[in-house]
Amino acid sequence: MPDPVTTVNAMGPTLDFAVKLIDRLRSRARSGPLLPEGVGLNVNHPVVGTDGKGKAAGVSATFQDPQTVLEPDFTDAGDGTWKTTVKVVLRPAARGGDIEAVSAGRIAVSPMNGDWNTGPVDQAATSALITGLRP
């Protein structure tokens, strides 16, 4: 897990990519909506390098991996109270998911809607949108 300074340093490359992505959306929208109604983009940028200022290895169109990384644990203290802790539970990343991409140092761009992931049409549109986009 990166330290807070490294994470803050990673905001620079993350913001640079966000500007590129928004510029791409605006240029393709031609004064229309940036994305189809009801569709958003979930963007996950890796922390790269020991200082967090490194460049991502690329950009991937992904889906949101539904695994839960943090799991709560409740223990009865025996006095009418409960002790709550959170543990990290790592599972293998789903192939083609955002966790797999970020773990490989790539920026993950996942189309999403109110039901979490969208279907193959939005996935294909996202893939076309990011084609040639660089970190």
Protein backbone atom coordinates (compact mmCIF):
# COMPACT_ATOMS: atom_id res chain seq x y z
CA MET A 1 0.00 0.00 0.00
CA PRO A 2 1.59 3.34 -1.02
CA ASP A 3 2.29 5.94 1.63
CA PRO A 4 0.21 9.16 1.63
CA VAL A 5 2.95 11.29 0.02
CA THR A 6 3.32 8.84 -2.87
CA THR A 7 -0.45 8.80 -3.33
CA VAL A 8 -0.60 12.61 -3.39
CA ASN A 9 2.26 12.68 -5.91
CA ALA A 10 0.29 10.29 -8.13
CA MET A 11 -2.46 12.90 -8.45
CA GLY A 12 -0.37 14.81 -11.02
CA PRO A 13 -0.27 12.00 -13.62
CA THR A 14 -3.88 11.13 -12.76
CA LEU A 15 -5.07 14.69 -13.41
CA ASP A 16 -3.05 14.88 -16.63
CA PHE A 17 -4.82 11.76 -17.89
CA ALA A 18 -8.24 13.04 -16.78
CA VAL A 19 -7.72 16.19 -18.87
CA LYS A 20 -6.78 14.08 -21.91
CA LEU A 21 -9.83 11.88 -21.45
CA ILE A 22 -12.20 14.82 -21.05
CA ASP A 23 -10.68 16.53 -24.11
CA ARG A 24 -11.25 13.30 -26.07
CA LEU A 25 -14.87 13.12 -24.87
CA ARG A 26 -15.50 16.76 -25.77
CA SER A 27 -13.99 16.48 -29.24
CA ARG A 28 -16.04 13.38 -30.05
CA ALA A 29 -19.26 14.83 -28.59
CA ARG A 30 -19.35 17.72 -31.11
CA SER A 31 -21.37 19.92 -28.72
CA GLY A 32 -23.62 16.99 -27.76
CA PRO A 33 -23.58 14.86 -24.63
CA LEU A 34 -20.17 13.55 -23.61
CA LEU A 35 -21.54 10.07 -22.90
CA PRO A 36 -24.79 8.23 -23.59
CA GLU A 37 -27.56 8.94 -21.09
CA GLY A 38 -27.21 6.82 -17.95
CA VAL A 39 -23.57 5.87 -18.66
CA GLY A 40 -20.55 7.10 -16.74
CA LEU A 41 -16.89 6.19 -16.75
CA ASN A 42 -15.09 4.77 -13.74
CA VAL A 43 -11.39 5.64 -14.12
CA ASN A 44 -8.75 4.03 -11.91
CA HIS A 45 -5.17 5.25 -12.24
CA PRO A 46 -2.31 3.24 -10.74
CA VAL A 47 0.28 4.71 -8.41
CA VAL A 48 3.47 4.24 -10.44
CA GLY A 49 7.05 4.47 -9.20
CA THR A 50 8.53 4.79 -5.75
CA ASP A 51 7.58 8.48 -5.66
CA GLY A 52 4.16 8.07 -7.34
CA LYS A 53 5.09 10.34 -10.24
CA GLY A 54 5.68 7.55 -12.77
CA LYS A 55 3.82 7.09 -16.04
CA ALA A 56 1.21 4.35 -16.39
CA ALA A 57 2.01 1.50 -18.78
CA GLY A 58 -1.06 2.24 -20.91
CA VAL A 59 -4.84 2.52 -20.89
CA SER A 60 -7.32 -0.39 -20.85
CA ALA A 61 -11.06 -0.56 -21.42
CA THR A 62 -12.20 -2.71 -18.50
CA PHE A 63 -15.19 -3.66 -16.40
CA GLN A 64 -15.49 -3.09 -12.67
CA ASP A 65 -14.26 -6.19 -10.89
CA PRO A 66 -16.97 -6.91 -8.31
CA GLN A 67 -14.66 -8.38 -5.71
CA THR A 68 -14.66 -6.85 -2.25
CA VAL A 69 -11.12 -6.04 -1.15
CA LEU A 70 -12.05 -4.80 2.33
CA GLU A 71 -14.21 -7.01 4.53
CA PRO A 72 -15.57 -5.98 7.93
CA ASP A 73 -15.11 -8.32 10.86
CA PHE A 74 -17.32 -8.09 13.95
CA THR A 75 -16.33 -9.60 17.29
CA ASP A 76 -18.61 -9.75 20.32
CA ALA A 77 -16.68 -8.17 23.19
CA GLY A 78 -18.90 -10.02 25.68
CA ASP A 79 -20.04 -6.87 27.45
CA GLY A 80 -22.86 -5.93 25.10
CA THR A 81 -20.55 -4.20 22.63
CA TRP A 82 -18.94 -5.30 19.41
CA LYS A 83 -15.45 -4.69 18.15
CA THR A 84 -15.31 -3.86 14.44
CA THR A 85 -12.17 -4.27 12.35
CA VAL A 86 -11.55 -4.30 8.63
CA LYS A 87 -9.29 -6.78 6.94
CA VAL A 88 -7.89 -6.81 3.43
CA VAL A 89 -8.87 -9.93 1.52
CA LEU A 90 -7.08 -10.23 -1.78
CA ARG A 91 -8.51 -12.55 -4.40
CA PRO A 92 -7.31 -13.16 -7.94
CA ALA A 93 -8.30 -10.28 -10.20
CA ALA A 94 -10.96 -11.02 -12.81
CA ARG A 95 -9.52 -11.22 -16.34
CA GLY A 96 -10.25 -7.97 -18.18
CA GLY A 97 -11.30 -6.15 -15.01
CA ASP A 98 -10.12 -2.88 -13.54
CA ILE A 99 -8.17 -4.50 -10.70
CA GLU A 100 -6.16 -6.58 -13.17
CA ALA A 101 -5.34 -3.49 -15.27
CA VAL A 102 -4.31 -1.30 -12.33
CA SER A 103 -2.23 -4.15 -10.86
CA ALA A 104 -0.35 -4.24 -14.19
CA GLY A 105 0.30 -0.49 -14.00
CA ARG A 106 -2.36 0.43 -16.56
CA ILE A 107 -5.15 3.01 -16.33
CA ALA A 108 -8.54 1.27 -16.19
CA VAL A 109 -11.54 2.94 -17.87
CA SER A 110 -14.81 1.12 -17.18
CA PRO A 111 -18.25 2.12 -18.46
CA MET A 112 -20.78 2.02 -15.65
CA ASN A 113 -24.43 2.65 -14.90
CA GLY A 114 -26.72 2.37 -11.90
CA ASP A 115 -26.46 -1.42 -12.05
CA TRP A 116 -22.64 -1.33 -11.78
CA ASN A 117 -21.32 -2.53 -15.15
CA THR A 118 -22.86 -1.81 -18.53
CA GLY A 119 -23.22 -4.21 -21.44
CA PRO A 120 -21.10 -5.07 -24.49
CA VAL A 121 -22.24 -2.05 -26.52
CA ASP A 122 -20.92 0.45 -23.97
CA GLN A 123 -17.81 -1.68 -23.47
CA ALA A 124 -17.09 -1.51 -27.23
CA ALA A 125 -17.78 2.24 -27.28
CA THR A 126 -15.37 2.75 -24.37
CA SER A 127 -12.72 0.70 -26.12
CA ALA A 128 -13.10 2.84 -29.25
CA LEU A 129 -13.04 6.02 -27.17
CA ILE A 130 -9.68 5.27 -25.55
CA THR A 131 -7.98 3.84 -28.65
CA GLY A 132 -4.72 5.72 -29.05
CA LEU A 133 -5.13 7.61 -25.76
CA ARG A 134 -1.86 7.63 -23.84
CA PRO A 135 -1.12 8.20 -20.14
